[in-house]
Each structure stands twice: as C-alpha cells, then as structure tokens.
C-alpha cells in the first residue's frame, strides 16, 4: 500500500492549521508571514534611528529613500508610511519626515514634462502613502550635482551652459558608451549620485535604499565582475559613506575645491529575500495594485549578449533565491565582514575609494589598449571599473 500522505503542518508561530506558506523552511500562515516581513524591516529601520541619532535632544528623523517602483522599494514605502503614522500618533516623539525620490531615467522626452508615466505612477503612491512626501527627479539632474566633476572626467560638454540641452547631451553620452554593461553601470551610478546629492543638499539624516538580500548579493557579484571589487564593502554594507563634493567655483591655482562629507546609507530590507518580498506583495493587495505588470521573459532567454552583467547576476540570484537561499545570504554576510579600507583617494566617477595598486594590476594583467582610451580619461583619477565603463 502507498504511504499515507503526511498531514499539513500548522504554522510554527501561532499553530494555525492553515499554513500554506514556506517561511525560512517552516510553514507559516498569512498573518504570521506578513508580520515576519514587517518586523524584519522594522527592526532594521530602528537600527538606522539608533545609529544616526544626534547627541543630546533627539531631532527629527529625516530620511531620503530611493523609489524605483520595484517590489523592494514599494515595501520600503509601506514601512516608512507605517513608521511616520506611528510617530505622528506619539506627540512627545521627534518628527518622522520621510521623502521618497524617484529618478526618471527616460531620456526620450524633455526633463520638464509633467505628465509622463513616472509622474502618473507616482501619483498613485501619493494616494496610497499619505504620510510620505514624494518627488520625481529627471536623470538630467546629474549634470548639476556637486558629487560629480564632469570636467575632470573629460566631458565638460555634458554640463555646459546650455541647460535646456542637458537631456540631448546626456543621451549622446550614453550612446558613446561601449556596451550594454557600461550603460547599465553608469546609469546605476548616476541614480546613486542624484540621491546622495539631494540628501546632502537638503541635510537629510540618512539615505535609504530598498535592496533585498538577493539584490545585494547580485550587486556584489556585478561590482566584482565590473572591476570594482575593492569598493564592494562601501556599497553593500550599512553605515556612513564618504562623499566627495566638487565646488563649481574654482579654488586658488585654478583647481576646484573638493570636500569630503559623510552621508549614512542603509538598506532596511537587507535581511529579506526577494521571493519573500514578492510573496508579501501578493498577500497585501493594496500594494500589489501599485506594481506595474511584469512582462519580462527571463525564463525564455536564449542569449545573454544583450544583457548587462548586472542583469545576468540578478537573473542568477532570482533562480537560486528560493532553493539555495543560504548561499545568497552567505554572499551578503561575507561581504559584511570585509573592512572598508580607505586609500585617501576617490574615483571621480563612482566616488568609491581607489585601490591604486589593485587597479594597476588589473590593467597590467588584462592589457591596456592605449589607443582605445581617451587621454583625458587616463589622466583623471578613475577606478579600473569606471575606466572600462567609459572607455571600454
């Protein structure tokens, strides 16, 4: 006789017999699964408050959060809105002031267009999260940020005096990049620059990014593959991040004044896997409605020649996220144990600390094609990864 089928196991937390969901290799009911995700993210946000609390009388918690409209950043909006509502109910607590900024990367239209797809979607987020302030910033703002010195990069034409033509110049700049990987790499760095510059300009307490454990693991592998492995601890770990700001006014001897300031960067969802976040969205219909339809055909990809390294890494970790989640978590935990070594010099493109000897070894082993590199890029202080992204 065939063995009798095992009876379904109850929820490990509340013993509810209806526990159809798998939560870290154990059964869970709907309420316990939702509570687990919210508690995990809430504790990380509480750690941000403790780490960034000013001495003496605590001031308002002013957080700037990046919003990509993806699953992780949407869940982060839910977390921030709940925390803001909680602090508003406690009259004696310091104010909680979250600002969510979406960077519109559409270069096919003018920067001042107010009725684009990003603005329309952002209006839905405003309705769903009334306790958060929302802004939409066009990618062309990168031409005016103080955290990037275009002239030192040999591209002074990008942020020239013709402000109305920033979108066209930026589009030409991306067209000049050598590969899909280069364009994806530089685009991610530009979005990060804009968020950091906005947080510094408005004196926010910390910058919050919605990367999950899976996203941080994919970013780790992508950065190593892109030749920026030395900077991985600075990009993946929580804590203060050194930002170089370049004054547009020339300093004595014709040089620009460069200052280094600290901006705390945190990932409140760093202890949650991507598949857990997606299931959480399915269990909260009001959040699921905000998500655009996923028309991707990731499972039917035959050739990766048109994918960037970042996309390849994201697809890989999507595939192992469920059955091999321990491997995904170990990537991030191991990265968290690496020291943030500082060399005193910073890359003018990505802003990461330079590994001068390591960059030289990379170039020596792979070979430097002098004819393929612009003189201005070779003279500028760029890390190996940014040199390759710009010049190939």
Protein backbone atom coordinates (compact mmCIF):
# COMPACT_ATOMS: atom_id res chain seq x y z
CA UNK A 1 0.00 0.00 0.00
CA UNK A 2 1.24 3.51 -0.74
CA UNK A 3 2.17 5.51 2.33
CA UNK A 4 -0.49 7.83 3.63
CA UNK A 5 0.11 11.47 2.75
CA UNK A 6 1.50 13.49 5.62
CA UNK A 7 -0.92 15.82 7.32
CA UNK A 8 -0.24 19.51 6.67
CA UNK A 9 1.88 21.08 9.37
CA UNK A 10 0.49 24.02 11.38
CA UNK A 11 2.08 27.43 11.47
CA UNK A 12 5.26 27.33 13.54
CA UNK A 13 4.44 30.67 15.15
CA UNK A 14 0.74 30.63 16.02
CA UNK A 15 -0.11 26.95 15.37
CA UNK A 16 -2.79 27.92 12.85
CA UNK A 17 -3.60 24.74 10.89
CA UNK A 18 -3.96 26.78 7.69
CA UNK A 19 -0.27 27.44 6.96
CA UNK A 20 0.31 27.22 3.19
CA UNK A 21 3.40 29.45 3.03
CA UNK A 22 7.03 28.47 3.44
CA UNK A 23 8.90 30.83 5.75
CA UNK A 24 12.60 30.02 6.15
CA UNK A 25 11.94 26.27 5.70
CA UNK A 26 8.96 26.26 8.04
CA UNK A 27 5.19 26.54 7.48
CA UNK A 28 3.52 29.89 8.13
CA UNK A 29 0.04 31.31 7.90
CA UNK A 30 -0.77 34.50 6.07
CA UNK A 31 -0.78 36.80 9.12
CA UNK A 32 2.49 35.43 10.52
CA UNK A 33 4.23 35.74 7.16
CA UNK A 34 3.18 39.38 6.81
CA UNK A 35 4.17 40.10 10.41
CA UNK A 36 7.58 38.47 9.90
CA UNK A 37 8.43 40.65 6.89
CA UNK A 38 7.28 43.84 8.59
CA UNK A 39 9.16 43.02 11.82
CA UNK A 40 12.39 42.25 9.95
CA UNK A 41 12.29 45.54 8.07
CA UNK A 42 11.08 47.50 11.09
CA UNK A 43 13.99 46.35 13.24
CA UNK A 44 16.47 47.42 10.58
CA UNK A 45 14.84 50.83 10.36
CA UNK A 46 15.03 51.07 14.14
CA UNK A 47 18.77 50.42 13.88
CA UNK A 48 19.04 53.33 11.45
CA UNK A 49 17.41 55.59 14.03
CA UNK A 50 19.80 54.48 16.77
CA UNK A 51 22.90 54.82 14.59
CA UNK A 52 22.02 58.29 13.29
CA UNK A 53 20.54 59.76 16.47
CA UNK A 54 22.24 63.10 17.26
CA UNK A 55 23.72 63.60 20.74
CA UNK A 56 21.60 65.40 23.29
CA UNK A 57 17.99 66.10 22.47
CA UNK A 58 17.00 63.91 19.51
CA UNK A 59 15.95 65.80 16.41
CA UNK A 60 13.54 64.78 13.67
CA UNK A 61 14.21 61.60 11.73
CA UNK A 62 14.66 62.89 8.17
CA UNK A 63 15.21 60.05 5.74
CA UNK A 64 15.51 60.25 1.96
CA UNK A 65 14.51 56.98 0.29
CA UNK A 66 15.10 55.89 -3.27
CA UNK A 67 11.98 54.72 -5.09
CA UNK A 68 12.38 52.61 -8.23
CA UNK A 69 8.74 51.36 -8.32
CA UNK A 70 10.11 47.84 -7.86
CA UNK A 71 8.91 45.30 -5.25
CA UNK A 72 11.57 46.11 -2.64
CA UNK A 73 11.27 49.88 -2.74
CA UNK A 74 7.46 49.58 -2.66
CA UNK A 75 7.65 47.50 0.52
CA UNK A 76 10.04 50.11 1.93
CA UNK A 77 7.39 52.77 1.29
CA UNK A 78 4.91 50.70 3.29
CA UNK A 79 7.42 50.54 6.15
CA UNK A 80 8.14 54.28 6.12
CA UNK A 81 4.46 55.19 5.93
CA UNK A 82 3.66 52.96 8.92
CA UNK A 83 6.52 54.44 10.95
CA UNK A 84 5.51 58.00 10.08
CA UNK A 85 1.93 57.27 11.15
CA UNK A 86 3.21 55.77 14.42
CA UNK A 87 5.37 58.78 15.30
CA UNK A 88 2.57 61.20 14.42
CA UNK A 89 0.37 59.45 16.98
CA UNK A 90 3.01 59.98 19.70
CA UNK A 91 3.04 63.68 20.38
CA UNK A 92 6.18 63.52 22.55
CA UNK A 93 8.32 61.77 19.90
CA UNK A 94 10.52 63.61 17.42
CA UNK A 95 9.08 64.12 13.97
CA UNK A 96 9.47 61.47 11.30
CA UNK A 97 9.97 63.09 7.87
CA UNK A 98 10.45 60.59 5.01
CA UNK A 99 10.97 61.80 1.45
CA UNK A 100 10.83 59.31 -1.43
CA UNK A 101 12.63 60.32 -4.62
CA UNK A 102 12.14 58.56 -7.95
CA UNK A 103 14.75 59.24 -10.64
CA UNK A 104 13.08 59.22 -14.06
CA UNK A 105 15.62 57.69 -16.46
CA UNK A 106 13.57 58.25 -19.63
CA UNK A 107 15.80 60.30 -21.97
CA UNK A 108 13.32 60.19 -24.84
CA UNK A 109 11.37 63.19 -23.54
CA UNK A 110 12.03 66.62 -22.06
CA UNK A 111 13.03 66.86 -18.42
CA UNK A 112 10.24 69.34 -17.59
CA UNK A 113 7.41 67.17 -18.92
CA UNK A 114 4.92 66.75 -16.08
CA UNK A 115 2.60 64.05 -17.40
CA UNK A 116 5.00 61.19 -18.09
CA UNK A 117 4.48 57.58 -16.97
CA UNK A 118 6.68 58.08 -13.90
CA UNK A 119 4.64 61.06 -12.68
CA UNK A 120 1.37 59.22 -13.21
CA UNK A 121 2.57 56.21 -11.24
CA UNK A 122 3.97 58.46 -8.53
CA UNK A 123 0.52 59.98 -8.03
CA UNK A 124 -0.77 56.52 -7.10
CA UNK A 125 1.97 56.20 -4.50
CA UNK A 126 0.99 59.57 -3.03
CA UNK A 127 -2.58 58.35 -2.60
CA UNK A 128 -1.51 55.05 -1.06
CA UNK A 129 1.12 56.52 1.31
CA UNK A 130 -0.18 59.88 2.60
CA UNK A 131 2.50 60.14 5.31
CA UNK A 132 5.38 60.26 2.84
CA UNK A 133 6.48 63.14 0.62
CA UNK A 134 7.22 62.14 -2.98
CA UNK A 135 9.30 63.77 -5.68
CA UNK A 136 10.20 62.83 -9.23
CA UNK A 137 13.63 63.96 -10.45
CA UNK A 138 14.78 63.61 -14.03
CA UNK A 139 18.07 61.90 -14.78
CA UNK A 140 19.34 65.10 -16.39
CA UNK A 141 19.85 66.49 -12.89
CA UNK A 142 23.12 64.54 -12.92
CA UNK A 143 24.55 67.40 -14.97
CA UNK A 144 24.26 69.73 -11.97
CA UNK A 145 25.08 67.54 -8.96
CA UNK A 146 28.05 68.52 -6.82
CA UNK A 147 29.14 64.93 -6.25
CA UNK A 148 30.38 64.56 -9.85
CA UNK A 149 33.02 66.64 -11.66
CA UNK A 150 32.34 66.34 -15.38
CA UNK A 151 35.33 68.47 -16.40
CA UNK A 152 37.72 66.17 -14.54
CA UNK A 153 36.17 63.26 -16.42
CA UNK A 154 36.99 64.88 -19.75
CA UNK A 155 33.31 65.53 -20.55
CA UNK A 156 32.81 69.26 -19.80
CA UNK A 157 30.30 69.50 -22.67
CA UNK A 158 27.75 67.36 -20.78
CA UNK A 159 27.04 70.04 -18.17
CA UNK A 160 27.80 73.04 -20.33
CA UNK A 161 25.92 76.37 -20.15
CA UNK A 162 23.09 75.28 -22.43
CA UNK A 163 20.89 73.94 -19.66
CA UNK A 164 17.98 73.24 -21.98
CA UNK A 165 20.05 70.74 -23.92
CA UNK A 166 21.11 68.59 -20.96
CA UNK A 167 18.84 65.72 -21.99
CA UNK A 168 20.25 65.59 -25.53
CA UNK A 169 23.83 65.81 -24.31
CA UNK A 170 23.22 63.08 -21.77
CA UNK A 171 21.62 60.90 -24.43
CA UNK A 172 24.70 61.37 -26.65
CA UNK A 173 26.92 60.49 -23.70
CA UNK A 174 25.13 57.17 -23.15
CA UNK A 175 25.24 56.44 -26.89
CA UNK A 176 29.03 56.87 -26.77
CA UNK A 177 29.49 54.21 -24.08
CA UNK A 178 30.97 50.97 -25.41
CA UNK A 179 28.48 48.31 -24.24
CA UNK A 180 25.18 47.44 -22.62
CA UNK A 181 27.06 46.68 -19.40
CA UNK A 182 28.70 50.11 -19.46
CA UNK A 183 25.38 51.89 -19.90
CA UNK A 184 23.73 49.93 -17.08
CA UNK A 185 26.71 50.52 -14.79
CA UNK A 186 26.89 54.27 -15.40
CA UNK A 187 23.09 54.63 -15.13
CA UNK A 188 23.11 52.99 -11.68
CA UNK A 189 25.94 55.27 -10.56
CA UNK A 190 24.11 58.35 -11.83
CA UNK A 191 20.95 57.46 -9.91
CA UNK A 192 23.03 56.95 -6.77
CA UNK A 193 24.77 60.32 -7.30
CA UNK A 194 21.45 62.12 -7.65
CA UNK A 195 20.07 60.56 -4.45
CA UNK A 196 23.24 61.32 -2.49
CA UNK A 197 23.40 64.89 -3.78
CA UNK A 198 19.75 65.53 -2.90
CA UNK A 199 20.21 64.08 0.60
CA UNK A 200 23.28 66.25 1.22
CA UNK A 201 21.77 69.39 -0.27
CA UNK A 202 18.70 69.17 1.97
CA UNK A 203 20.53 67.93 5.09
CA UNK A 204 18.74 64.61 5.44
CA UNK A 205 19.78 62.23 8.21
CA UNK A 206 20.34 59.17 6.01
CA UNK A 207 19.78 57.74 2.54
CA UNK A 208 17.68 54.56 2.45
CA UNK A 209 17.91 52.13 -0.47
CA UNK A 210 15.48 49.24 -0.88
CA UNK A 211 17.87 46.43 -1.78
CA UNK A 212 16.95 42.97 -0.51
CA UNK A 213 19.47 40.27 0.42
CA UNK A 214 19.13 38.93 -3.14
CA UNK A 215 19.72 42.34 -4.70
CA UNK A 216 22.78 42.99 -2.52
CA UNK A 217 24.24 39.60 -3.48
CA UNK A 218 23.69 40.34 -7.17
CA UNK A 219 25.26 43.80 -6.77
CA UNK A 220 28.28 42.24 -5.04
CA UNK A 221 28.98 39.87 -7.92
CA UNK A 222 28.28 42.54 -10.54
CA UNK A 223 30.68 45.02 -8.96
CA UNK A 224 33.45 42.44 -8.76
CA UNK A 225 32.85 41.48 -12.40
CA UNK A 226 32.87 45.16 -13.39
CA UNK A 227 36.32 45.63 -11.83
CA UNK A 228 35.16 47.47 -8.71
CA UNK A 229 35.65 44.73 -6.13
CA UNK A 230 37.72 46.90 -3.81
CA UNK A 231 34.68 49.14 -3.26
CA UNK A 232 32.17 46.36 -2.52
CA UNK A 233 32.19 46.89 1.32
CA UNK A 234 31.42 50.56 0.77
CA UNK A 235 28.44 49.82 -1.48
CA UNK A 236 26.93 46.80 0.26
CA UNK A 237 27.28 47.48 3.99
CA UNK A 238 25.25 49.84 6.14
CA UNK A 239 26.85 52.90 7.68
CA UNK A 240 28.46 56.24 6.85
CA UNK A 241 29.58 56.67 3.27
CA UNK A 242 32.27 59.19 2.29
CA UNK A 243 31.04 61.51 -0.46
CA UNK A 244 33.23 63.93 -2.41
CA UNK A 245 31.61 67.22 -3.36
CA UNK A 246 33.10 69.45 -6.04
CA UNK A 247 32.58 73.20 -5.76
CA UNK A 248 31.76 74.77 -9.13
CA UNK A 249 33.75 77.86 -8.18
CA UNK A 250 37.49 77.49 -8.97
CA UNK A 251 39.75 77.45 -5.94
CA UNK A 252 43.22 79.06 -5.89
CA UNK A 253 45.60 77.84 -8.61
CA UNK A 254 42.60 77.13 -10.84
CA UNK A 255 41.59 73.92 -9.07
CA UNK A 256 38.12 73.15 -7.83
CA UNK A 257 37.52 72.86 -4.11
CA UNK A 258 36.86 69.24 -3.18
CA UNK A 259 35.29 68.42 0.18
CA UNK A 260 34.59 65.05 1.75
CA UNK A 261 31.43 64.66 3.77
CA UNK A 262 29.71 61.70 5.39
CA UNK A 263 26.25 60.50 4.41
CA UNK A 264 24.86 57.41 6.16
CA UNK A 265 23.48 54.87 3.66
CA UNK A 266 21.27 52.00 4.86
CA UNK A 267 19.36 49.07 3.36
CA UNK A 268 16.33 48.43 5.61
CA UNK A 269 15.32 45.30 3.65
CA UNK A 270 18.76 43.73 3.64
CA UNK A 271 17.62 40.74 5.75
CA UNK A 272 14.74 39.78 3.43
CA UNK A 273 14.94 37.67 0.29
CA UNK A 274 13.40 38.81 -2.97
CA UNK A 275 10.95 35.91 -3.08
CA UNK A 276 9.74 36.81 0.44
CA UNK A 277 9.14 40.38 -0.65
CA UNK A 278 7.21 39.27 -3.73
CA UNK A 279 5.02 36.96 -1.68
CA UNK A 280 4.41 39.75 0.84
CA UNK A 281 3.14 41.95 -2.01
CA UNK A 282 0.80 39.16 -3.11
CA UNK A 283 -0.59 38.97 0.42
CA UNK A 284 -1.20 42.74 0.63
CA UNK A 285 -3.46 43.57 -2.34
CA UNK A 286 -3.29 47.34 -1.82
CA UNK A 287 0.46 47.18 -2.50
CA UNK A 288 0.18 44.70 -5.34
CA UNK A 289 -2.04 47.16 -7.22
CA UNK A 290 0.85 49.64 -7.38
CA UNK A 291 3.18 47.26 -9.17
CA UNK A 292 3.36 47.53 -12.96
CA UNK A 293 2.69 44.32 -14.85
CA UNK A 294 5.77 42.16 -15.30
CA UNK A 295 6.02 41.32 -18.98
CA UNK A 296 9.58 40.03 -18.83
CA UNK A 297 10.56 36.74 -20.40
CA UNK A 298 13.51 36.00 -18.14
CA UNK A 299 12.86 32.28 -18.19
CA UNK A 300 12.95 32.13 -22.00
CA UNK A 301 16.26 33.87 -22.56
CA UNK A 302 18.42 32.05 -25.10
CA UNK A 303 21.31 34.51 -25.49
CA UNK A 304 22.76 36.90 -22.92
CA UNK A 305 24.64 39.04 -25.42
CA UNK A 306 22.19 41.92 -24.99
CA UNK A 307 22.15 41.71 -21.19
CA UNK A 308 24.40 43.69 -18.89
CA UNK A 309 26.49 41.96 -16.23
CA UNK A 310 24.12 43.37 -13.62
CA UNK A 311 21.10 41.78 -15.33
CA UNK A 312 22.87 38.43 -15.62
CA UNK A 313 23.69 38.47 -11.90
CA UNK A 314 20.12 39.45 -10.99
CA UNK A 315 18.70 36.58 -13.06
CA UNK A 316 21.11 34.13 -11.48
CA UNK A 317 20.16 35.08 -7.93
CA UNK A 318 16.48 35.06 -8.86
CA UNK A 319 16.94 31.43 -9.85
CA UNK A 320 18.69 30.36 -6.61
CA UNK A 321 16.79 32.67 -4.25
CA UNK A 322 14.34 30.01 -3.06
CA UNK A 323 16.06 26.61 -3.15
CA UNK A 324 19.52 27.93 -2.22
CA UNK A 325 18.72 31.00 -0.15
CA UNK A 326 21.52 30.12 2.29
CA UNK A 327 24.10 30.71 -0.43
CA UNK A 328 22.54 34.08 -1.23
CA UNK A 329 22.64 35.11 2.43
CA UNK A 330 26.25 33.97 2.82
CA UNK A 331 27.35 36.26 0.00
CA UNK A 332 25.98 39.30 1.83
CA UNK A 333 27.18 38.13 5.27
CA UNK A 334 30.69 37.57 3.97
CA UNK A 335 30.74 40.99 2.36
CA UNK A 336 29.62 42.46 5.67
CA UNK A 337 32.78 41.13 7.31
CA UNK A 338 35.11 42.92 4.88
CA UNK A 339 36.85 46.05 6.10
CA UNK A 340 36.18 49.38 4.46
CA UNK A 341 39.78 50.08 3.50
CA UNK A 342 40.39 53.75 2.67
CA UNK A 343 43.23 54.86 0.41
CA UNK A 344 42.76 58.62 0.72
CA UNK A 345 41.90 58.91 -2.99
CA UNK A 346 38.46 58.63 -4.52
CA UNK A 347 37.26 57.77 -8.01
CA UNK A 348 35.84 60.83 -9.73
CA UNK A 349 33.03 58.82 -11.35
CA UNK A 350 31.71 56.33 -8.80
CA UNK A 351 33.04 58.17 -5.73
CA UNK A 352 34.48 54.98 -4.23
CA UNK A 353 37.87 54.86 -2.57
CA UNK A 354 40.62 53.90 -5.01
CA UNK A 355 42.73 50.76 -4.89
CA UNK A 356 45.67 52.17 -6.81
CA UNK A 357 47.87 49.06 -6.74
CA UNK A 358 44.94 46.77 -7.44
CA UNK A 359 43.77 48.89 -10.37
CA UNK A 360 47.27 48.82 -11.82
CA UNK A 361 47.48 45.04 -11.51
CA UNK A 362 44.12 44.65 -13.24
CA UNK A 363 45.23 46.85 -16.12
CA UNK A 364 48.56 45.06 -16.35
CA UNK A 365 47.08 41.58 -16.40
CA UNK A 366 44.37 42.37 -18.92
CA UNK A 367 46.47 44.74 -21.01
CA UNK A 368 45.94 48.44 -21.57
CA UNK A 369 44.97 49.42 -25.09
CA UNK A 370 46.36 52.94 -25.09
CA UNK A 371 44.79 53.85 -28.43
CA UNK A 372 41.33 52.92 -27.14
CA UNK A 373 41.45 55.21 -24.12
CA UNK A 374 40.94 58.94 -24.21
CA UNK A 375 43.83 60.94 -22.81
CA UNK A 376 41.51 62.85 -20.53
CA UNK A 377 40.11 59.66 -19.01
CA UNK A 378 43.57 58.23 -18.46
CA UNK A 379 44.68 61.42 -16.71
CA UNK A 380 41.61 61.57 -14.46
CA UNK A 381 41.56 59.59 -11.22
CA UNK A 382 39.16 56.82 -12.10
CA UNK A 383 38.97 53.31 -10.69
CA UNK A 384 39.54 50.42 -13.06
CA UNK A 385 35.82 49.64 -13.29
CA UNK A 386 34.86 53.19 -14.28
CA UNK A 387 37.68 53.41 -16.85
CA UNK A 388 36.33 50.31 -18.54
CA UNK A 389 32.72 51.50 -18.37
CA UNK A 390 33.60 54.82 -20.02
CA UNK A 391 36.30 53.79 -22.48
CA UNK A 392 35.78 50.06 -22.97
